[in-house]
């Protein structure tokens, strides 16, 4: 027995219906055909000699032909309309589908028929789920369903073996199916802004993964299998509920960026220094009370963000010679060790809102510094070596206990912005008249009763902006 669509295309499913000469009820045939065509049962009807067959009718598997009539799917019509085409079948050969802002509540099951589809982008829609037939898109390389209302993923997602990009940010996902681990070609997995509280161990099977973005979820722990992601370069975990990290995270030998900010972390793994490819580490607004000594072995790191923690001291060995940007603002630091001054590449340093009473005498060895923030500390003096900071362009010393500055300040020939307000300043060194590159000078709320001669001279010769009450 043969089955053909109205178009004349055969539907080959005889092997599932029985042997030649056997009998089978129409209801069972319809169920097999619906499954074979990835359609809802109610959309499949059988016609013989112009008459519609009923479910309780019986067919004999013999040399005859039955017409398979597929009833229109309103979801297919809606999907076609969102894409500006007349019929869903017009999409059968499309390699790329992009829909933004369409009011699609569901996707048609027939989407599994789009065998040539390589890119599917469905953003800003009220979709709550994806059909299981999605797994039939064997050529799909890029799937993006951002800013929607997805609450789960179909298990068939693991059948999309060609998938390289999977972006599902800003949804309502709580977990992932274990089949996610079958996506051996996946390079980017973006799940930012969901409700995910659990990751299956199978995520460690994603051997091609390079970017894993899980920020703004509800994760309290990570699976040890995460350490098996040997090609991972970016790990974004900010704004979760992580209190600890698995030691296996330190086995990610290709990791270049790790974002851990806004988690209740009190410590980092002792083996952190094994991350020899790490270039950026963000652990701001956590609960760190100390740093592991091994952090000094991150020789490739260029940006380190540790703001808004509870750090009272830094490791004695802080020889991150490639570090260019360091943020330690809003911690509890009282002093810096001399080894801190070995950061030869440091260009931007943020130490605002700590409890620093003094700076190392060798502070001027940080000759690459371009921007230095020391606002809101307890500094009563600045070391003479400051004059060696020849590349410094912005210096913020407001809200300290400074009564004067060293004469060497006049050697900062590149300085453009100088913030000295809210200090008990009684005088300024005459050498400041040499700061001819200065554009802004802030002197509000000091003990100066009039502008010092050096400032008046600068104002006359350079036209700098002076913010002062004098």
Protein backbone atom coordinates (compact mmCIF):
# COMPACT_ATOMS: atom_id res chain seq x y z
CA UNK A 1 0.00 0.00 0.00
CA UNK A 2 1.25 3.45 -0.89
CA UNK A 3 0.54 6.75 0.82
CA UNK A 4 0.90 10.04 -1.03
CA UNK A 5 0.38 13.68 -0.17
CA UNK A 6 -1.88 15.82 -2.36
CA UNK A 7 1.29 17.05 -4.06
CA UNK A 8 2.01 13.49 -5.16
CA UNK A 9 5.00 13.15 -2.82
CA UNK A 10 5.16 9.66 -1.31
CA UNK A 11 5.14 9.11 2.44
CA UNK A 12 7.19 5.99 3.11
CA UNK A 13 6.02 4.36 6.31
CA UNK A 14 4.65 0.99 5.13
CA UNK A 15 7.23 -0.91 7.14
CA UNK A 16 5.73 0.45 10.34
CA UNK A 17 2.17 -0.61 9.41
CA UNK A 18 2.43 -4.35 8.90
CA UNK A 19 3.06 -6.94 6.23
CA UNK A 20 1.33 -7.28 2.85
CA UNK A 21 -2.23 -8.49 3.25
CA UNK A 22 -2.53 -7.61 6.93
CA UNK A 23 -5.28 -5.36 8.27
CA UNK A 24 -4.94 -2.19 10.31
CA UNK A 25 -7.45 0.38 11.55
CA UNK A 26 -7.30 3.89 10.08
CA UNK A 27 -6.74 5.49 13.50
CA UNK A 28 -3.44 3.63 13.89
CA UNK A 29 -2.35 4.56 10.35
CA UNK A 30 -3.07 8.23 11.02
CA UNK A 31 -0.96 8.09 14.21
CA UNK A 32 2.02 6.61 12.33
CA UNK A 33 1.70 9.14 9.51
CA UNK A 34 1.41 12.06 11.94
CA UNK A 35 4.55 10.96 13.76
CA UNK A 36 6.38 10.45 10.47
CA UNK A 37 5.37 13.91 9.19
CA UNK A 38 5.96 15.66 12.55
CA UNK A 39 2.37 16.84 12.63
CA UNK A 40 -0.45 16.91 15.16
CA UNK A 41 -2.75 13.90 14.79
CA UNK A 42 -5.83 16.03 14.08
CA UNK A 43 -4.13 17.52 11.03
CA UNK A 44 -3.72 14.17 9.22
CA UNK A 45 -6.69 12.77 7.29
CA UNK A 46 -6.86 9.79 4.89
CA UNK A 47 -8.85 9.82 1.66
CA UNK A 48 -9.65 6.82 -0.54
CA UNK A 49 -11.57 7.05 -3.81
CA UNK A 50 -12.69 10.56 -2.89
CA UNK A 51 -14.10 9.55 0.51
CA UNK A 52 -12.74 10.55 3.92
CA UNK A 53 -11.83 7.50 6.00
CA UNK A 54 -12.96 7.24 9.62
CA UNK A 55 -10.71 6.08 12.47
CA UNK A 56 -12.63 2.85 12.97
CA UNK A 57 -12.42 1.91 9.29
CA UNK A 58 -10.05 -0.91 8.38
CA UNK A 59 -7.37 -0.88 5.70
CA UNK A 60 -5.85 -3.95 4.11
CA UNK A 61 -2.18 -3.62 3.24
CA UNK A 62 -2.35 -4.38 -0.48
CA UNK A 63 -1.62 -2.81 -3.88
CA UNK A 64 -3.61 0.42 -3.57
CA UNK A 65 -2.93 4.10 -2.94
CA UNK A 66 -4.27 6.25 -0.10
CA UNK A 67 -4.15 10.04 -0.25
CA UNK A 68 -2.78 11.75 2.86
CA UNK A 69 -4.54 15.06 3.34
CA UNK A 70 -2.75 17.50 5.68
CA UNK A 71 -5.08 20.04 7.22
CA UNK A 72 -3.77 23.61 7.57
CA UNK A 73 -1.93 24.47 10.81
CA UNK A 74 -2.90 27.89 12.17
CA UNK A 75 0.53 28.12 13.83
CA UNK A 76 2.21 27.65 10.46
CA UNK A 77 0.06 30.41 8.99
CA UNK A 78 0.95 32.71 11.91
CA UNK A 79 4.65 31.92 11.55
CA UNK A 80 4.56 32.55 7.80
CA UNK A 81 2.77 35.85 8.36
CA UNK A 82 5.43 36.96 10.89
CA UNK A 83 8.04 36.38 8.19
CA UNK A 84 6.07 38.12 5.47
CA UNK A 85 5.49 35.04 3.26
CA UNK A 86 2.18 33.64 2.05
CA UNK A 87 2.65 29.97 2.87
CA UNK A 88 4.69 28.08 5.45
CA UNK A 89 5.96 25.86 2.65
CA UNK A 90 7.67 28.93 1.15
CA UNK A 91 10.19 28.57 4.00
CA UNK A 92 11.22 24.98 3.29
CA UNK A 93 14.47 25.96 1.57
CA UNK A 94 15.33 28.96 3.72
CA UNK A 95 18.78 28.79 5.39
CA UNK A 96 18.14 31.74 7.72
CA UNK A 97 15.04 32.88 9.62
CA UNK A 98 15.00 36.00 11.78
CA UNK A 99 11.93 37.22 13.65
CA UNK A 100 11.99 40.10 16.14
CA UNK A 101 9.08 41.18 18.31
CA UNK A 102 6.44 38.89 16.78
CA UNK A 103 3.64 37.82 19.10
CA UNK A 104 4.35 34.12 18.68
CA UNK A 105 2.94 32.11 21.58
CA UNK A 106 4.04 28.78 20.06
CA UNK A 107 6.08 27.52 17.14
CA UNK A 108 4.52 25.07 14.68
CA UNK A 109 5.66 21.48 14.98
CA UNK A 110 6.22 21.62 11.28
CA UNK A 111 9.34 23.69 11.89
CA UNK A 112 11.14 20.36 11.90
CA UNK A 113 10.52 20.20 8.14
CA UNK A 114 12.84 23.18 7.48
CA UNK A 115 15.74 20.84 6.78
CA UNK A 116 17.97 23.52 5.22
CA UNK A 117 17.71 25.90 8.18
CA UNK A 118 21.10 26.95 9.55
CA UNK A 119 20.21 30.08 11.53
CA UNK A 120 17.06 30.63 13.60
CA UNK A 121 16.70 33.89 15.53
CA UNK A 122 13.47 34.52 17.46
CA UNK A 123 13.91 37.44 19.86
CA UNK A 124 11.45 39.42 21.97
CA UNK A 125 8.46 37.10 21.72
CA UNK A 126 6.16 35.49 24.33
CA UNK A 127 7.38 31.96 23.52
CA UNK A 128 7.26 29.68 26.57
CA UNK A 129 8.60 26.51 24.96
CA UNK A 130 10.13 25.13 21.79
CA UNK A 131 8.71 22.08 19.99
CA UNK A 132 10.46 18.72 20.20
CA UNK A 133 10.62 18.73 16.40
CA UNK A 134 13.33 21.38 16.68
CA UNK A 135 15.77 18.50 17.08
CA UNK A 136 15.16 17.51 13.46
CA UNK A 137 16.97 20.60 12.16
CA UNK A 138 20.19 18.75 11.42
CA UNK A 139 21.89 21.74 9.75
CA UNK A 140 21.07 24.29 12.46
CA UNK A 141 24.25 26.12 13.52
CA UNK A 142 22.91 29.22 15.27
CA UNK A 143 19.84 29.30 17.56
CA UNK A 144 18.87 32.49 19.39
CA UNK A 145 15.69 32.89 21.42
CA UNK A 146 16.56 35.90 23.59
CA UNK A 147 14.21 38.10 25.61
CA UNK A 148 11.30 35.68 25.57
CA UNK A 149 9.48 33.62 28.22
CA UNK A 150 11.02 30.16 27.81
CA UNK A 151 10.58 28.00 30.90
CA UNK A 152 12.25 24.86 29.53
CA UNK A 153 14.12 23.40 26.56
CA UNK A 154 13.06 20.31 24.63
CA UNK A 155 15.13 17.19 25.24
CA UNK A 156 15.57 16.99 21.48
CA UNK A 157 17.94 19.99 21.65
CA UNK A 158 20.68 17.40 21.98
CA UNK A 159 19.94 16.22 18.43
CA UNK A 160 21.00 19.56 16.89
CA UNK A 161 24.51 18.24 16.46
CA UNK A 162 25.62 21.03 14.10
CA UNK A 163 24.80 23.74 16.65
CA UNK A 164 27.65 26.15 17.36
CA UNK A 165 25.84 29.16 18.84
CA UNK A 166 23.05 28.86 21.43
CA UNK A 167 21.76 32.14 22.88
CA UNK A 168 18.84 32.00 25.35
CA UNK A 169 19.37 35.11 27.48
CA UNK A 170 16.55 36.89 29.33
CA UNK A 171 14.14 33.99 29.65
CA UNK A 172 12.73 32.02 32.61
CA UNK A 173 14.76 28.81 32.34
CA UNK A 174 15.43 27.02 35.62
CA UNK A 175 17.62 24.17 34.41
CA UNK A 176 18.92 22.48 31.27
CA UNK A 177 18.13 19.05 29.85
CA UNK A 178 20.90 16.47 30.23
CA UNK A 179 20.90 16.11 26.45
CA UNK A 180 22.68 19.49 26.25
CA UNK A 181 25.91 17.53 26.61
CA UNK A 182 25.44 16.00 23.15
CA UNK A 183 26.17 19.32 21.43
CA UNK A 184 29.79 18.50 20.68
CA UNK A 185 30.21 21.37 18.20
CA UNK A 186 28.77 24.08 20.48
CA UNK A 187 31.15 27.02 20.91
CA UNK A 188 28.95 29.64 22.66
CA UNK A 189 26.28 29.05 25.30
CA UNK A 190 24.63 32.25 26.51
CA UNK A 191 22.10 31.84 29.35
CA UNK A 192 22.41 35.24 31.02
CA UNK A 193 19.35 36.57 32.89
CA UNK A 194 17.41 33.39 33.57
CA UNK A 195 16.38 31.55 36.74
CA UNK A 196 18.83 28.68 36.44
CA UNK A 197 19.69 27.09 39.80
CA UNK A 198 21.19 23.82 38.59
CA UNK A 199 23.59 22.70 35.85
CA UNK A 200 23.69 19.03 34.83
CA UNK A 201 27.05 17.24 34.93
CA UNK A 202 26.67 16.68 31.19
CA UNK A 203 27.64 20.30 30.57
CA UNK A 204 31.22 19.12 30.97
CA UNK A 205 30.87 17.16 27.71
CA UNK A 206 30.74 20.34 25.61
CA UNK A 207 34.27 19.81 24.38
CA UNK A 208 34.18 22.63 21.79
CA UNK A 209 32.74 25.27 24.15
CA UNK A 210 34.67 28.55 24.23
CA UNK A 211 32.17 30.95 25.82
CA UNK A 212 29.89 30.08 28.74
CA UNK A 213 27.77 33.00 29.96
CA UNK A 214 25.64 32.24 33.04
CA UNK A 215 25.43 35.65 34.69
CA UNK A 216 22.30 36.81 36.55
CA UNK A 217 20.91 33.41 37.46
CA UNK A 218 20.39 31.57 40.79
CA UNK A 219 23.32 29.17 40.78
CA UNK A 220 24.56 28.14 44.22
CA UNK A 221 27.08 25.59 43.05
CA UNK A 222 28.81 24.44 39.89
CA UNK A 223 29.45 20.86 38.78
CA UNK A 224 33.01 19.54 38.98
CA UNK A 225 32.64 18.54 35.34
CA UNK A 226 33.05 22.21 34.44
CA UNK A 227 36.80 21.65 34.60
CA UNK A 228 36.59 19.38 31.56
CA UNK A 229 35.77 22.29 29.24
CA UNK A 230 39.33 22.31 27.98
CA UNK A 231 38.80 24.97 25.27
CA UNK A 232 36.79 27.42 27.40
CA UNK A 233 37.99 31.02 27.06
CA UNK A 234 35.20 33.03 28.73
CA UNK A 235 33.34 32.10 31.91
CA UNK A 236 30.72 34.64 33.01
CA UNK A 237 29.12 33.89 36.39
CA UNK A 238 28.36 37.34 37.82
CA UNK A 239 25.22 37.91 39.89
CA UNK A 240 24.53 34.39 41.08
CA UNK A 241 24.46 32.89 44.58
CA UNK A 242 27.82 31.10 44.50
CA UNK A 243 29.59 30.75 47.85
CA UNK A 244 32.44 28.57 46.56
CA UNK A 245 33.99 27.49 43.29
CA UNK A 246 34.93 23.90 42.47
CA UNK A 247 38.67 23.29 42.35
CA UNK A 248 38.19 21.97 38.82
CA UNK A 249 37.68 25.56 37.63
CA UNK A 250 41.44 25.96 37.98
CA UNK A 251 41.97 23.29 35.33
CA UNK A 252 40.60 25.50 32.54
CA UNK A 253 43.93 25.96 30.83
CA UNK A 254 42.61 28.14 27.97
CA UNK A 255 40.48 30.46 30.14
CA UNK A 256 41.10 34.14 29.36
CA UNK A 257 38.23 35.91 31.14
CA UNK A 258 36.42 34.95 34.35
CA UNK A 259 33.63 37.14 35.75
CA UNK A 260 32.56 36.25 39.31
CA UNK A 261 31.28 39.59 40.60
CA UNK A 262 28.20 39.92 42.81
CA UNK A 263 28.43 36.46 44.37
CA UNK A 264 28.72 35.76 48.13
CA UNK A 265 32.24 34.34 47.69
CA UNK A 266 34.50 34.52 50.74
CA UNK A 267 37.53 32.95 49.07
CA UNK A 268 38.99 31.92 45.73
CA UNK A 269 40.54 28.48 45.10
CA UNK A 270 44.15 28.13 46.22
CA UNK A 271 45.02 26.73 42.80
CA UNK A 272 43.89 29.90 41.02
CA UNK A 273 47.43 30.50 39.80
CA UNK A 274 47.13 27.50 37.47
CA UNK A 275 45.00 29.60 35.10
CA UNK A 276 48.03 30.61 33.08
CA UNK A 277 46.01 31.98 30.11
CA UNK A 278 43.83 34.25 32.29
CA UNK A 279 43.81 37.89 31.14
CA UNK A 280 40.79 39.31 33.02
CA UNK A 281 39.46 38.42 36.46
CA UNK A 282 36.39 40.16 37.87
CA UNK A 283 35.42 39.45 41.48
CA UNK A 284 33.80 42.72 42.52
CA UNK A 285 31.04 42.98 45.15
CA UNK A 286 31.67 39.53 46.58
CA UNK A 287 32.75 38.82 50.15
CA UNK A 288 36.47 38.18 49.69
CA UNK A 289 38.49 38.56 52.87
CA UNK A 290 41.81 37.41 51.39
CA UNK A 291 43.43 36.41 48.11
CA UNK A 292 45.30 33.16 47.51
CA UNK A 293 49.09 33.59 47.26
CA UNK A 294 48.99 31.86 43.88
CA UNK A 295 47.31 34.91 42.35
CA UNK A 296 50.82 36.24 41.88
CA UNK A 297 51.41 33.52 39.28
CA UNK A 298 48.80 34.86 36.85
CA UNK A 299 51.51 36.24 34.60
CA UNK A 300 49.19 36.90 31.63
CA UNK A 301 46.58 38.87 33.52
CA UNK A 302 46.04 42.46 32.38
CA UNK A 303 42.81 43.44 34.19
CA UNK A 304 41.94 42.59 37.79
CA UNK A 305 38.73 43.85 39.42
CA UNK A 306 38.42 43.30 43.18
CA UNK A 307 36.28 46.29 44.19
CA UNK A 308 33.75 46.18 47.03
CA UNK A 309 35.15 43.26 48.99
CA UNK A 310 36.57 42.91 52.51
CA UNK A 311 40.26 42.67 51.67
CA UNK A 312 42.52 43.91 54.47
CA UNK A 313 45.80 43.04 52.79
CA UNK A 314 47.25 41.78 49.54
CA UNK A 315 49.60 38.82 49.12
CA UNK A 316 53.27 39.62 49.71
CA UNK A 317 54.11 38.27 46.28
CA UNK A 318 52.13 40.47 43.93
CA UNK A 319 54.35 40.33 40.88
CA UNK A 320 51.71 40.55 38.17
CA UNK A 321 54.09 42.25 35.79
CA UNK A 322 51.59 42.32 32.89
CA UNK A 323 48.77 43.91 34.90
CA UNK A 324 47.44 47.13 33.33
CA UNK A 325 44.23 47.83 35.22
CA UNK A 326 43.60 47.11 38.92
CA UNK A 327 40.50 48.04 40.90
CA UNK A 328 40.61 47.66 44.69
CA UNK A 329 38.17 50.41 45.62
CA UNK A 330 35.87 49.98 48.61
CA UNK A 331 37.89 47.38 50.50
CA UNK A 332 39.54 47.47 53.94
CA UNK A 333 43.18 47.91 52.92
CA UNK A 334 45.40 49.64 55.49
CA UNK A 335 48.73 49.38 53.70
CA UNK A 336 50.45 48.22 50.55
CA UNK A 337 53.56 46.06 50.59
CA UNK A 338 56.71 47.17 48.77
CA UNK A 339 56.19 44.29 46.32
CA UNK A 340 53.11 46.11 45.08
CA UNK A 341 55.45 48.57 43.37
CA UNK A 342 56.66 45.85 41.02
CA UNK A 343 53.56 46.24 38.85
CA UNK A 344 55.59 47.76 36.04
CA UNK A 345 52.80 47.71 33.41
CA UNK A 346 50.04 49.17 35.58
CA UNK A 347 48.22 52.05 33.85
CA UNK A 348 45.01 52.44 35.88
CA UNK A 349 44.84 51.96 39.65
CA UNK A 350 41.70 52.42 41.76
CA UNK A 351 42.22 52.46 45.54
CA UNK A 352 39.33 54.72 46.55
CA UNK A 353 37.51 54.20 49.84
CA UNK A 354 40.01 52.09 51.76
CA UNK A 355 41.86 52.77 55.04
CA UNK A 356 45.32 53.50 53.63
CA UNK A 357 47.45 55.62 55.97
CA UNK A 358 50.59 55.60 53.86
CA UNK A 359 51.97 54.50 50.53
CA UNK A 360 55.22 52.60 49.91
CA UNK A 361 58.27 54.82 49.40
CA UNK A 362 58.81 53.08 46.08
CA UNK A 363 55.35 54.02 44.82
CA UNK A 364 56.96 56.11 42.09
CA UNK A 365 58.27 52.90 40.52
CA UNK A 366 54.79 52.46 39.00
CA UNK A 367 56.00 54.54 36.06
CA UNK A 368 53.35 53.35 33.58
CA UNK A 369 50.49 54.80 35.67
CA UNK A 370 48.15 57.09 33.74
CA UNK A 371 45.20 57.18 36.13
CA UNK A 372 45.40 56.96 39.94
CA UNK A 373 42.44 57.08 42.33
CA UNK A 374 43.16 57.42 46.06
CA UNK A 375 40.04 59.33 47.13
CA UNK A 376 38.57 58.68 50.58
CA UNK A 377 41.51 57.16 52.47
CA UNK A 378 43.51 58.27 55.52
CA UNK A 379 46.67 59.44 53.77
CA UNK A 380 48.55 62.18 55.60
CA UNK A 381 51.46 62.39 53.18
CA UNK A 382 52.52 61.45 49.68
CA UNK A 383 55.98 59.95 49.06
CA UNK A 384 58.53 62.09 47.22
CA UNK A 385 58.86 59.32 44.60
CA UNK A 386 55.51 60.47 43.16
CA UNK A 387 57.48 62.71 40.85
CA UNK A 388 58.58 59.63 38.89
CA UNK A 389 55.01 59.00 37.67
CA UNK A 390 55.82 60.78 34.43
CA UNK A 391 52.87 59.31 32.49
CA UNK A 392 50.22 60.23 35.05
CA UNK A 393 47.28 62.15 33.55
CA UNK A 394 44.64 61.91 36.28
CA UNK A 395 45.31 62.01 40.03
CA UNK A 396 42.53 61.88 42.61
CA UNK A 397 43.58 62.52 46.20
CA UNK A 398 40.37 64.06 47.56
CA UNK A 399 39.02 63.26 51.03
CA UNK A 400 42.29 62.33 52.76
CA UNK A 401 44.31 63.95 55.56
CA UNK A 402 46.84 65.79 53.40
CA UNK A 403 48.16 69.15 54.64
CA UNK A 404 50.65 69.55 51.79
CA UNK A 405 52.16 67.79 48.77
CA UNK A 406 55.78 66.89 47.93
CA UNK A 407 57.81 69.27 45.73
CA UNK A 408 58.18 66.42 43.22
CA UNK A 409 54.51 66.85 42.24
CA UNK A 410 55.71 69.50 39.79
CA UNK A 411 57.45 66.81 37.75
CA UNK A 412 54.13 65.29 36.60
CA UNK A 413 54.39 66.90 33.19
CA UNK A 414 51.49 64.94 31.65
CA UNK A 415 49.00 65.62 34.47
CA UNK A 416 45.65 66.93 33.21
CA UNK A 417 43.29 66.45 36.18
CA UNK A 418 44.19 66.88 39.86
CA UNK A 419 41.62 66.41 42.63
CA UNK A 420 42.73 67.69 46.06
CA UNK A 421 39.43 68.78 47.63
CA UNK A 422 38.30 67.81 51.14
CA UNK A 423 41.84 67.73 52.54
CA UNK A 424 43.22 69.99 55.32
CA UNK A 425 45.64 71.58 52.81
CA UNK A 426 47.40 74.66 54.16
CA UNK A 427 49.80 75.19 51.28
CA UNK A 428 50.84 73.88 47.88
CA UNK A 429 54.41 73.52 46.57
CA UNK A 430 55.63 76.23 44.18
CA UNK A 431 56.71 73.46 41.80
CA UNK A 432 53.06 73.09 40.78
CA UNK A 433 53.49 76.07 38.49
CA UNK A 434 55.32 73.66 36.14
CA UNK A 435 52.16 71.58 35.58
CA UNK A 436 51.47 73.24 32.24
CA UNK A 437 49.38 70.33 30.91
CA UNK A 438 46.89 70.68 33.78
CA UNK A 439 43.30 71.30 32.69
CA UNK A 440 41.36 70.85 35.96
CA UNK A 441 42.36 71.52 39.57
CA UNK A 442 39.89 70.81 42.38
CA UNK A 443 40.58 72.54 45.72
CA UNK A 444 37.15 72.78 47.36
CA UNK A 445 36.87 72.46 51.16
CA UNK A 446 40.52 72.87 52.20
CA UNK A 447 42.27 75.22 54.68
CA UNK A 448 43.58 77.43 51.88
CA UNK A 449 42.36 80.98 52.38
CA UNK A 450 43.53 82.17 48.98
CA UNK A 451 44.82 80.68 45.78
CA UNK A 452 48.57 79.99 46.13
CA UNK A 453 50.84 81.86 43.72
CA UNK A 454 51.63 78.68 41.81
CA UNK A 455 47.93 78.15 41.08
CA UNK A 456 47.31 81.78 40.19
CA UNK A 457 50.25 81.62 37.80
CA UNK A 458 48.92 78.44 36.17
CA UNK A 459 45.47 79.97 35.84
CA UNK A 460 46.88 83.03 34.13
CA UNK A 461 49.21 81.15 31.77
CA UNK A 462 47.15 78.07 30.88
CA UNK A 463 43.53 78.93 31.52
CA UNK A 464 42.94 75.84 33.65
CA UNK A 465 39.63 75.32 35.43
CA UNK A 466 40.09 75.76 39.17
CA UNK A 467 37.31 74.56 41.45
CA UNK A 468 37.88 76.34 44.75
CA UNK A 469 36.23 78.39 47.46
CA UNK A 470 39.13 80.85 47.58
